[in-house]
Amino acid sequence: MSSEPRQELLDLILEVSFRREAVVLSSGKRSDFYLDLRQTLMRPRGVELAGRLVLAQLQSGPSVEAVGGMAVGAVPLVAAVLAAAAADDPKTELLGFFVRKETKQHGLGRRIEGGFREGQTVALVEDTVTTGGSTLEALDAVEAEGGKVARVLCLVDRGEGAAAAFSERGIQLESIYDRKDLPV
């Protein structure tokens, strides 16, 4: 894939998702900038580009049977990757899933919903990572249900500890963009 879609998505992220403002992140860390990638992923071109770029990254490494992540943040990105996979190959067998914060208290009482099953090799995706906390929580849930997390991919790595946290678990964090791509 050429660098044009990558640059186009970065331009859109910086236009609609990047704000220079003092905030407290979900990790509890303070930051002088905020990335709200839902603003990018809820736009037709943003979701299309994100899906294509993450799928291309997935296709360039170890194969996985499913792609998923923590609800709610990863859900649009999972859907984007699945749509890109179907556009690329209508017979794709790639499945998607999401991990709930807590086990559902009714119905089938699942914590992992969608196309996940015990024994699968999966990739976890996230829009933005800081410390990696929510994705590590998803990783623990997948492993507890008998899955194997082979890869972790994100759109933006803020460069504040997530890569080291995943490395401690034996997984390399793969990112489309990192801190050097941001005007910080």
N, C-alpha and C. Protein backbone atom coordinates (compact mmCIF):
# COMPACT_ATOMS: atom_id res chain seq x y z
N MET A 1 0.85 -1.17 0.00
CA MET A 1 0.00 0.00 0.00
C MET A 1 0.90 1.23 0.00
N SER A 2 0.55 2.19 -0.81
CA SER A 2 1.36 3.42 -0.89
C SER A 2 1.22 4.22 0.40
N SER A 3 2.07 5.22 0.54
CA SER A 3 2.00 6.05 1.75
C SER A 3 0.86 7.05 1.67
N GLU A 4 0.20 7.19 0.52
CA GLU A 4 -0.88 8.17 0.40
C GLU A 4 -2.04 7.92 1.37
N PRO A 5 -2.60 6.69 1.45
CA PRO A 5 -3.68 6.48 2.43
C PRO A 5 -3.23 6.75 3.86
N ARG A 6 -1.99 6.39 4.17
CA ARG A 6 -1.46 6.62 5.51
C ARG A 6 -1.43 8.12 5.82
N GLN A 7 -0.95 8.91 4.88
CA GLN A 7 -0.89 10.35 5.09
C GLN A 7 -2.29 10.96 5.14
N GLU A 8 -3.18 10.47 4.28
CA GLU A 8 -4.56 10.98 4.27
C GLU A 8 -5.25 10.73 5.61
N LEU A 9 -5.06 9.52 6.16
CA LEU A 9 -5.67 9.23 7.46
C LEU A 9 -5.04 10.08 8.55
N LEU A 10 -3.72 10.25 8.53
CA LEU A 10 -3.08 11.10 9.53
C LEU A 10 -3.60 12.53 9.44
N ASP A 11 -3.75 13.04 8.24
CA ASP A 11 -4.28 14.40 8.08
C ASP A 11 -5.68 14.51 8.68
N LEU A 12 -6.51 13.50 8.45
CA LEU A 12 -7.87 13.51 9.00
C LEU A 12 -7.83 13.42 10.53
N ILE A 13 -6.97 12.55 11.05
CA ILE A 13 -6.84 12.44 12.51
C ILE A 13 -6.44 13.79 13.12
N LEU A 14 -5.47 14.44 12.52
CA LEU A 14 -5.01 15.72 13.06
C LEU A 14 -6.08 16.81 12.92
N GLU A 15 -6.89 16.71 11.89
CA GLU A 15 -7.95 17.70 11.68
C GLU A 15 -9.11 17.54 12.65
N VAL A 16 -9.58 16.30 12.85
CA VAL A 16 -10.82 16.12 13.60
C VAL A 16 -10.65 15.45 14.96
N SER A 17 -9.51 14.82 15.23
CA SER A 17 -9.35 14.05 16.46
C SER A 17 -8.31 14.59 17.42
N PHE A 18 -7.42 15.43 16.97
CA PHE A 18 -6.32 15.92 17.80
C PHE A 18 -6.69 17.27 18.41
N ARG A 19 -6.51 17.38 19.72
CA ARG A 19 -6.75 18.65 20.40
C ARG A 19 -5.61 18.91 21.37
N ARG A 20 -5.06 20.10 21.30
CA ARG A 20 -4.04 20.51 22.26
C ARG A 20 -4.77 21.12 23.45
N GLU A 21 -4.86 20.32 24.50
CA GLU A 21 -5.64 20.71 25.68
C GLU A 21 -5.21 19.82 26.84
N ALA A 22 -5.15 20.38 28.03
CA ALA A 22 -4.80 19.60 29.22
C ALA A 22 -5.96 18.68 29.57
N VAL A 23 -5.66 17.38 29.67
CA VAL A 23 -6.68 16.38 29.98
C VAL A 23 -6.10 15.31 30.90
N VAL A 24 -6.99 14.57 31.54
CA VAL A 24 -6.62 13.37 32.26
C VAL A 24 -7.11 12.20 31.41
N LEU A 25 -6.20 11.31 31.07
CA LEU A 25 -6.52 10.17 30.20
C LEU A 25 -7.13 9.03 31.01
N SER A 26 -7.71 8.05 30.33
CA SER A 26 -8.31 6.91 31.03
C SER A 26 -7.28 6.15 31.86
N SER A 27 -6.02 6.25 31.48
CA SER A 27 -4.94 5.62 32.25
C SER A 27 -4.68 6.34 33.57
N GLY A 28 -5.25 7.55 33.71
CA GLY A 28 -5.00 8.38 34.88
C GLY A 28 -3.87 9.37 34.67
N LYS A 29 -3.14 9.21 33.56
CA LYS A 29 -2.04 10.13 33.25
C LYS A 29 -2.60 11.47 32.78
N ARG A 30 -1.82 12.51 33.06
CA ARG A 30 -2.16 13.85 32.55
C ARG A 30 -1.43 14.05 31.24
N SER A 31 -2.08 14.78 30.34
CA SER A 31 -1.48 15.04 29.03
C SER A 31 -1.85 16.44 28.58
N ASP A 32 -1.01 17.01 27.73
CA ASP A 32 -1.32 18.34 27.19
C ASP A 32 -1.95 18.23 25.80
N PHE A 33 -2.29 17.00 25.39
CA PHE A 33 -3.03 16.82 24.14
C PHE A 33 -3.97 15.64 24.26
N TYR A 34 -5.00 15.65 23.44
CA TYR A 34 -6.02 14.60 23.47
C TYR A 34 -6.28 14.11 22.06
N LEU A 35 -6.42 12.81 21.93
CA LEU A 35 -6.78 12.18 20.66
C LEU A 35 -8.12 11.49 20.85
N ASP A 36 -9.14 11.96 20.16
CA ASP A 36 -10.45 11.33 20.19
C ASP A 36 -10.67 10.69 18.83
N LEU A 37 -10.13 9.50 18.65
CA LEU A 37 -10.19 8.85 17.34
C LEU A 37 -11.59 8.40 16.96
N ARG A 38 -12.54 8.44 17.88
CA ARG A 38 -13.94 8.18 17.50
C ARG A 38 -14.38 9.21 16.47
N GLN A 39 -13.85 10.43 16.58
CA GLN A 39 -14.19 11.47 15.61
C GLN A 39 -13.74 11.09 14.20
N THR A 40 -12.62 10.40 14.09
CA THR A 40 -12.11 9.94 12.80
C THR A 40 -12.83 8.67 12.35
N LEU A 41 -13.01 7.73 13.28
CA LEU A 41 -13.58 6.43 12.92
C LEU A 41 -15.09 6.48 12.68
N MET A 42 -15.71 7.58 12.99
CA MET A 42 -17.15 7.73 12.72
C MET A 42 -17.39 8.60 11.49
N ARG A 43 -16.38 8.66 10.64
CA ARG A 43 -16.49 9.34 9.35
C ARG A 43 -16.23 8.30 8.26
N PRO A 44 -16.99 8.33 7.17
CA PRO A 44 -16.83 7.30 6.14
C PRO A 44 -15.39 7.12 5.67
N ARG A 45 -14.71 8.20 5.34
CA ARG A 45 -13.35 8.06 4.81
C ARG A 45 -12.39 7.61 5.92
N GLY A 46 -12.60 8.09 7.13
CA GLY A 46 -11.74 7.69 8.24
C GLY A 46 -11.83 6.21 8.53
N VAL A 47 -13.04 5.69 8.60
CA VAL A 47 -13.21 4.27 8.91
C VAL A 47 -12.70 3.41 7.75
N GLU A 48 -12.89 3.87 6.52
CA GLU A 48 -12.39 3.12 5.37
C GLU A 48 -10.86 3.04 5.39
N LEU A 49 -10.22 4.18 5.55
CA LEU A 49 -8.75 4.22 5.57
C LEU A 49 -8.18 3.42 6.73
N ALA A 50 -8.76 3.58 7.91
CA ALA A 50 -8.27 2.86 9.09
C ALA A 50 -8.37 1.35 8.86
N GLY A 51 -9.51 0.91 8.34
CA GLY A 51 -9.69 -0.51 8.08
C GLY A 51 -8.68 -1.05 7.09
N ARG A 52 -8.45 -0.31 6.02
CA ARG A 52 -7.48 -0.74 5.00
C ARG A 52 -6.06 -0.80 5.55
N LEU A 53 -5.68 0.22 6.32
CA LEU A 53 -4.31 0.27 6.85
C LEU A 53 -4.06 -0.82 7.88
N VAL A 54 -5.01 -1.05 8.77
CA VAL A 54 -4.82 -2.09 9.77
C VAL A 54 -4.86 -3.47 9.11
N LEU A 55 -5.75 -3.66 8.13
CA LEU A 55 -5.77 -4.94 7.41
C LEU A 55 -4.44 -5.19 6.71
N ALA A 56 -3.91 -4.17 6.05
CA ALA A 56 -2.61 -4.33 5.37
C ALA A 56 -1.53 -4.74 6.37
N GLN A 57 -1.55 -4.15 7.54
CA GLN A 57 -0.59 -4.50 8.59
C GLN A 57 -0.79 -5.96 9.02
N LEU A 58 -2.04 -6.36 9.19
CA LEU A 58 -2.34 -7.74 9.58
C LEU A 58 -1.87 -8.73 8.52
N GLN A 59 -2.00 -8.36 7.26
CA GLN A 59 -1.63 -9.26 6.17
C GLN A 59 -0.12 -9.40 6.01
N SER A 60 0.64 -8.50 6.63
CA SER A 60 2.09 -8.53 6.47
C SER A 60 2.81 -9.30 7.58
N GLY A 61 2.06 -9.93 8.44
CA GLY A 61 2.70 -10.65 9.53
C GLY A 61 2.02 -11.97 9.80
N PRO A 62 2.24 -12.53 10.98
CA PRO A 62 1.62 -13.81 11.33
C PRO A 62 0.10 -13.75 11.17
N SER A 63 -0.47 -14.82 10.63
CA SER A 63 -1.91 -14.81 10.37
C SER A 63 -2.70 -15.03 11.66
N VAL A 64 -3.90 -14.51 11.64
CA VAL A 64 -4.83 -14.65 12.76
C VAL A 64 -6.19 -15.06 12.21
N GLU A 65 -6.99 -15.67 13.07
CA GLU A 65 -8.32 -16.11 12.68
C GLU A 65 -9.39 -15.08 12.98
N ALA A 66 -9.10 -14.18 13.92
CA ALA A 66 -10.08 -13.19 14.33
C ALA A 66 -9.37 -11.93 14.80
N VAL A 67 -10.12 -10.85 14.77
CA VAL A 67 -9.62 -9.56 15.23
C VAL A 67 -10.66 -9.00 16.19
N GLY A 68 -10.18 -8.45 17.31
CA GLY A 68 -11.12 -7.94 18.30
C GLY A 68 -10.46 -6.95 19.22
N GLY A 69 -11.22 -6.53 20.22
CA GLY A 69 -10.70 -5.58 21.18
C GLY A 69 -11.73 -5.25 22.23
N MET A 70 -11.35 -4.36 23.10
CA MET A 70 -12.19 -3.98 24.22
C MET A 70 -13.32 -3.06 23.77
N ALA A 71 -14.53 -3.38 24.23
CA ALA A 71 -15.67 -2.50 23.95
C ALA A 71 -15.50 -1.26 24.82
N VAL A 72 -15.83 -0.16 24.37
CA VAL A 72 -16.47 0.24 23.15
C VAL A 72 -15.42 0.74 22.15
N GLY A 73 -14.27 1.12 22.65
CA GLY A 73 -13.27 1.78 21.83
C GLY A 73 -12.85 1.04 20.59
N ALA A 74 -12.67 -0.27 20.67
CA ALA A 74 -12.16 -1.03 19.53
C ALA A 74 -13.24 -1.43 18.53
N VAL A 75 -14.49 -1.34 18.90
CA VAL A 75 -15.56 -1.86 18.04
C VAL A 75 -15.57 -1.22 16.65
N PRO A 76 -15.50 0.11 16.51
CA PRO A 76 -15.49 0.66 15.14
C PRO A 76 -14.29 0.20 14.33
N LEU A 77 -13.14 0.04 14.97
CA LEU A 77 -11.95 -0.39 14.25
C LEU A 77 -12.06 -1.86 13.84
N VAL A 78 -12.61 -2.70 14.70
CA VAL A 78 -12.84 -4.10 14.34
C VAL A 78 -13.75 -4.16 13.12
N ALA A 79 -14.86 -3.41 13.14
CA ALA A 79 -15.79 -3.39 12.01
C ALA A 79 -15.10 -2.89 10.74
N ALA A 80 -14.25 -1.89 10.88
CA ALA A 80 -13.53 -1.34 9.73
C ALA A 80 -12.60 -2.38 9.11
N VAL A 81 -11.90 -3.13 9.95
CA VAL A 81 -10.99 -4.17 9.45
C VAL A 81 -11.78 -5.27 8.76
N LEU A 82 -12.90 -5.67 9.33
CA LEU A 82 -13.72 -6.72 8.70
C LEU A 82 -14.27 -6.26 7.36
N ALA A 83 -14.72 -5.01 7.28
CA ALA A 83 -15.23 -4.48 6.01
C ALA A 83 -14.11 -4.45 4.96
N ALA A 84 -12.92 -4.03 5.37
CA ALA A 84 -11.79 -4.00 4.44
C ALA A 84 -11.43 -5.41 3.99
N ALA A 85 -11.49 -6.38 4.91
CA ALA A 85 -11.17 -7.77 4.56
C ALA A 85 -12.18 -8.31 3.56
N ALA A 86 -13.45 -8.01 3.75
CA ALA A 86 -14.48 -8.47 2.82
C ALA A 86 -14.34 -7.81 1.45
N ALA A 87 -13.97 -6.54 1.43
CA ALA A 87 -13.75 -5.85 0.15
C ALA A 87 -12.54 -6.44 -0.58
N ASP A 88 -11.53 -6.81 0.19
CA ASP A 88 -10.31 -7.39 -0.37
C ASP A 88 -10.53 -8.82 -0.87
N ASP A 89 -11.33 -9.58 -0.12
CA ASP A 89 -11.60 -10.98 -0.46
C ASP A 89 -12.99 -11.34 0.07
N PRO A 90 -13.99 -11.36 -0.83
CA PRO A 90 -15.36 -11.66 -0.38
C PRO A 90 -15.50 -13.01 0.35
N LYS A 91 -14.54 -13.90 0.19
CA LYS A 91 -14.60 -15.20 0.85
C LYS A 91 -13.73 -15.26 2.10
N THR A 92 -13.33 -14.11 2.60
CA THR A 92 -12.48 -14.08 3.79
C THR A 92 -13.14 -14.83 4.94
N GLU A 93 -12.31 -15.46 5.74
CA GLU A 93 -12.83 -16.16 6.92
C GLU A 93 -12.46 -15.43 8.21
N LEU A 94 -11.91 -14.22 8.08
CA LEU A 94 -11.55 -13.43 9.26
C LEU A 94 -12.82 -13.08 10.03
N LEU A 95 -12.79 -13.30 11.32
CA LEU A 95 -13.93 -13.01 12.19
C LEU A 95 -13.60 -11.84 13.11
N GLY A 96 -14.63 -11.29 13.72
CA GLY A 96 -14.45 -10.20 14.65
C GLY A 96 -15.15 -10.47 15.97
N PHE A 97 -14.68 -9.81 17.01
CA PHE A 97 -15.29 -9.96 18.33
C PHE A 97 -14.98 -8.73 19.17
N PHE A 98 -15.68 -8.61 20.29
CA PHE A 98 -15.32 -7.58 21.25
C PHE A 98 -15.43 -8.15 22.65
N VAL A 99 -14.66 -7.54 23.54
CA VAL A 99 -14.60 -7.95 24.94
C VAL A 99 -15.34 -6.92 25.77
N ARG A 100 -16.30 -7.39 26.56
CA ARG A 100 -17.03 -6.50 27.47
C ARG A 100 -16.17 -6.20 28.70
N LYS A 101 -16.41 -5.06 29.32
CA LYS A 101 -15.72 -4.73 30.58
C LYS A 101 -16.06 -5.76 31.65
N GLU A 102 -17.30 -6.24 31.65
CA GLU A 102 -17.73 -7.24 32.63
C GLU A 102 -18.56 -8.29 31.92
N THR A 103 -18.61 -9.47 32.49
CA THR A 103 -19.43 -10.54 31.94
C THR A 103 -20.89 -10.12 31.95
N LYS A 104 -21.58 -10.39 30.86
CA LYS A 104 -22.99 -10.07 30.73
C LYS A 104 -23.79 -10.85 31.78
N GLN A 105 -24.72 -10.19 32.43
CA GLN A 105 -25.46 -10.83 33.52
C GLN A 105 -26.76 -11.48 33.07
N HIS A 106 -27.02 -11.49 31.76
CA HIS A 106 -28.23 -12.15 31.25
C HIS A 106 -27.89 -12.85 29.94
N GLY A 107 -28.87 -13.44 29.32
CA GLY A 107 -28.62 -14.16 28.07
C GLY A 107 -27.65 -15.31 28.30
N LEU A 108 -26.61 -15.38 27.49
CA LEU A 108 -25.63 -16.46 27.60
C LEU A 108 -24.49 -16.12 28.56
N GLY A 109 -24.53 -14.94 29.14
CA GLY A 109 -23.54 -14.57 30.16
C GLY A 109 -22.12 -14.51 29.65
N ARG A 110 -21.95 -13.98 28.46
CA ARG A 110 -20.61 -13.92 27.86
C ARG A 110 -19.89 -12.62 28.18
N ARG A 111 -18.59 -12.73 28.20
CA ARG A 111 -17.76 -11.53 28.28
C ARG A 111 -17.22 -11.19 26.89
N ILE A 112 -17.01 -12.21 26.07
CA ILE A 112 -16.53 -12.00 24.71
C ILE A 112 -17.67 -12.29 23.75
N GLU A 113 -17.98 -11.32 22.91
CA GLU A 113 -19.11 -11.43 21.98
C GLU A 113 -18.62 -11.42 20.54
N GLY A 114 -19.32 -12.15 19.70
CA GLY A 114 -19.00 -12.15 18.28
C GLY A 114 -18.35 -13.44 17.85
N GLY A 115 -17.45 -13.34 16.86
CA GLY A 115 -16.85 -14.51 16.24
C GLY A 115 -15.61 -15.02 16.94
N PHE A 116 -15.68 -15.18 18.24
CA PHE A 116 -14.55 -15.71 19.01
C PHE A 116 -14.89 -17.12 19.49
N ARG A 117 -13.88 -17.99 19.45
CA ARG A 117 -14.05 -19.33 20.02
C ARG A 117 -12.73 -19.78 20.65
N GLU A 118 -12.84 -20.66 21.59
CA GLU A 118 -11.67 -21.22 22.26
C GLU A 118 -10.70 -21.80 21.21
N GLY A 119 -9.42 -21.56 21.42
CA GLY A 119 -8.39 -22.10 20.55
C GLY A 119 -7.98 -21.19 19.41
N GLN A 120 -8.71 -20.12 19.18
CA GLN A 120 -8.36 -19.20 18.10
C GLN A 120 -7.07 -18.43 18.37
N THR A 121 -6.40 -18.10 17.27
CA THR A 121 -5.28 -17.17 17.31
C THR A 121 -5.83 -15.84 16.83
N VAL A 122 -5.67 -14.80 17.64
CA VAL A 122 -6.32 -13.52 17.35
C VAL A 122 -5.35 -12.35 17.40
N ALA A 123 -5.81 -11.26 16.82
CA ALA A 123 -5.13 -9.96 16.95
C ALA A 123 -6.07 -9.05 17.72
N LEU A 124 -5.52 -8.28 18.62
CA LEU A 124 -6.29 -7.25 19.32
C LEU A 124 -5.97 -5.92 18.67
N VAL A 125 -6.99 -5.09 18.51
CA VAL A 125 -6.80 -3.77 17.92
C VAL A 125 -7.35 -2.71 18.87
N GLU A 126 -6.79 -1.52 18.74
CA GLU A 126 -7.21 -0.38 19.55
C GLU A 126 -6.96 0.88 18.75
N ASP A 127 -7.77 1.90 18.98
CA ASP A 127 -7.55 3.14 18.25
C ASP A 127 -6.32 3.87 18.78
N THR A 128 -6.29 4.15 20.08
CA THR A 128 -5.17 4.86 20.70
C THR A 128 -4.72 4.09 21.94
N VAL A 129 -3.41 3.97 22.13
CA VAL A 129 -2.91 3.35 23.36
C VAL A 129 -1.98 4.32 24.07
N THR A 130 -2.08 4.32 25.39
CA THR A 130 -1.19 5.10 26.24
C THR A 130 -0.36 4.11 27.05
N THR A 131 -0.99 3.51 28.05
CA THR A 131 -0.30 2.49 28.84
C THR A 131 -0.66 1.08 28.37
N GLY A 132 -1.71 0.97 27.56
CA GLY A 132 -2.17 -0.33 27.07
C GLY A 132 -3.14 -1.03 27.99
N GLY A 133 -3.59 -0.35 29.04
CA GLY A 133 -4.42 -0.97 30.07
C GLY A 133 -5.65 -1.69 29.57
N SER A 134 -6.47 -1.05 28.75
CA SER A 134 -7.70 -1.70 28.32
C SER A 134 -7.42 -2.87 27.37
N THR A 135 -6.40 -2.75 26.55
CA THR A 135 -6.06 -3.85 25.64
C THR A 135 -5.43 -5.01 26.41
N LEU A 136 -4.68 -4.71 27.45
CA LEU A 136 -4.16 -5.78 28.31
C LEU A 136 -5.30 -6.51 29.02
N GLU A 137 -6.34 -5.76 29.38
CA GLU A 137 -7.52 -6.36 29.98
C GLU A 137 -8.21 -7.29 28.97
N ALA A 138 -8.30 -6.86 27.72
CA ALA A 138 -8.87 -7.71 26.67
C ALA A 138 -8.01 -8.94 26.45
N LEU A 139 -6.70 -8.77 26.48
CA LEU A 139 -5.77 -9.89 26.31
C LEU A 139 -6.00 -10.93 27.41
N ASP A 140 -6.13 -10.47 28.64
CA ASP A 140 -6.38 -11.40 29.75
C ASP A 140 -7.70 -12.15 29.55
N ALA A 141 -8.73 -11.45 29.09
CA ALA A 141 -10.03 -12.09 28.87
C ALA A 141 -9.95 -13.14 27.77
N VAL A 142 -9.27 -12.82 26.68
CA VAL A 142 -9.13 -13.77 25.58
C VAL A 142 -8.37 -15.01 26.05
N GLU A 143 -7.27 -14.80 26.76
CA GLU A 143 -6.50 -15.94 27.25
C GLU A 143 -7.31 -16.78 28.25
N ALA A 144 -8.11 -16.12 29.09
CA ALA A 144 -8.93 -16.85 30.06
C ALA A 144 -9.98 -17.72 29.37
N GLU A 145 -10.38 -17.31 28.16
CA GLU A 145 -11.37 -18.07 27.39
C GLU A 145 -10.72 -19.04 26.41
N GLY A 146 -9.39 -19.21 26.51
CA GLY A 146 -8.71 -20.21 25.70
C GLY A 146 -8.22 -19.74 24.35
N GLY A 147 -8.17 -18.43 24.14
CA GLY A 147 -7.63 -17.90 22.89
C GLY A 147 -6.16 -17.55 23.03
N LYS A 148 -5.50 -17.35 21.88
CA LYS A 148 -4.10 -16.95 21.89
C LYS A 148 -3.98 -15.61 21.17
N VAL A 149 -3.47 -14.62 21.88
CA VAL A 149 -3.26 -13.31 21.28
C VAL A 149 -1.88 -13.31 20.64
N ALA A 150 -1.84 -13.27 19.31
CA ALA A 150 -0.59 -13.30 18.58
C ALA A 150 -0.08 -11.91 18.25
N ARG A 151 -1.02 -10.94 18.15
CA ARG A 151 -0.63 -9.60 17.73
C ARG A 151 -1.51 -8.56 18.41
N VAL A 152 -0.92 -7.37 18.61
CA VAL A 152 -1.67 -6.21 19.10
C VAL A 152 -1.33 -5.05 18.18
N LEU A 153 -2.37 -4.45 17.58
CA LEU A 153 -2.19 -3.34 16.64
C LEU A 153 -3.01 -2.15 17.10
N CYS A 154 -2.46 -0.97 16.89
CA CYS A 154 -3.20 0.24 17.19
C CYS A 154 -3.02 1.25 16.07
N LEU A 155 -3.93 2.19 16.02
CA LEU A 155 -3.75 3.29 15.07
C LEU A 155 -2.67 4.23 15.58
N VAL A 156 -2.78 4.68 16.85
CA VAL A 156 -1.81 5.63 17.39
C VAL A 156 -1.28 5.14 18.74
N ASP A 157 0.03 5.02 18.82
CA ASP A 157 0.71 4.74 20.08
C ASP A 157 1.22 6.08 20.61
N ARG A 158 0.67 6.52 21.73
CA ARG A 158 1.07 7.80 22.32
C ARG A 158 2.50 7.77 22.86
N GLY A 159 3.11 6.58 22.92
CA GLY A 159 4.49 6.46 23.37
C GLY A 159 4.66 6.67 24.86
N GLU A 160 3.70 6.18 25.66
CA GLU A 160 3.75 6.41 27.10
C GLU A 160 3.68 5.11 27.89
N GLY A 161 4.29 4.05 27.36
CA GLY A 161 4.42 2.83 28.14
C GLY A 161 3.73 1.60 27.60
N ALA A 162 2.83 1.73 26.65
CA ALA A 162 2.11 0.55 26.15
C ALA A 162 3.04 -0.47 25.51
N ALA A 163 3.99 -0.01 24.70
CA ALA A 163 4.89 -0.95 24.02
C ALA A 163 5.65 -1.81 25.04
N ALA A 164 6.12 -1.19 26.10
CA ALA A 164 6.84 -1.93 27.14
C ALA A 164 5.91 -2.91 27.86
N ALA A 165 4.67 -2.49 28.11
CA ALA A 165 3.72 -3.36 28.80
C ALA A 165 3.42 -4.60 27.97
N PHE A 166 3.27 -4.44 26.66
CA PHE A 166 3.01 -5.60 25.81
C PHE A 166 4.27 -6.46 25.67
N SER A 167 5.41 -5.83 25.60
CA SER A 167 6.67 -6.55 25.51
C SER A 167 6.85 -7.48 26.70
N GLU A 168 6.45 -7.02 27.88
CA GLU A 168 6.52 -7.84 29.09
C GLU A 168 5.65 -9.09 28.96
N ARG A 169 4.64 -9.01 28.10
CA ARG A 169 3.75 -10.16 27.87
C ARG A 169 4.18 -10.97 26.64
N GLY A 170 5.32 -10.59 26.04
CA GLY A 170 5.84 -11.32 24.91
C GLY A 170 5.23 -10.94 23.57
N ILE A 171 4.61 -9.76 23.51
CA ILE A 171 3.94 -9.32 22.29
C ILE A 171 4.49 -7.95 21.90
N GLN A 172 4.78 -7.80 20.62
CA GLN A 172 5.24 -6.50 20.13
C GLN A 172 4.02 -5.67 19.73
N LEU A 173 3.94 -4.45 20.23
CA LEU A 173 2.88 -3.53 19.83
C LEU A 173 3.20 -3.00 18.44
N GLU A 174 2.24 -3.14 17.53
CA GLU A 174 2.39 -2.63 16.17
C GLU A 174 1.49 -1.41 16.03
N SER A 175 2.04 -0.31 15.54
CA SER A 175 1.23 0.90 15.40
C SER A 175 1.35 1.46 13.98
N ILE A 176 0.27 2.07 13.54
CA ILE A 176 0.28 2.76 12.25
C ILE A 176 0.99 4.10 12.41
N TYR A 177 0.71 4.78 13.55
CA TYR A 177 1.34 6.06 13.87
C TYR A 177 1.87 6.00 15.29
N ASP A 178 2.86 6.84 15.56
CA ASP A 178 3.34 6.97 16.93
C ASP A 178 3.54 8.44 17.25
N ARG A 179 4.10 8.68 18.40
CA ARG A 179 4.22 10.06 18.90
C ARG A 179 4.92 11.00 17.93
N LYS A 180 5.92 10.48 17.19
CA LYS A 180 6.66 11.35 16.27
C LYS A 180 5.77 11.84 15.11
N ASP A 181 4.64 11.19 14.87
CA ASP A 181 3.72 11.62 13.82
C ASP A 181 2.79 12.74 14.29
N LEU A 182 2.81 13.03 15.58
CA LEU A 182 1.91 14.03 16.16
C LEU A 182 2.65 15.37 16.38
N PRO A 183 1.93 16.46 16.28
CA PRO A 183 2.56 17.78 16.51
C PRO A 183 2.65 18.10 18.01
N VAL A 184 3.40 17.26 18.75
CA VAL A 184 3.53 17.48 20.20
C VAL A 184 4.99 17.77 20.56
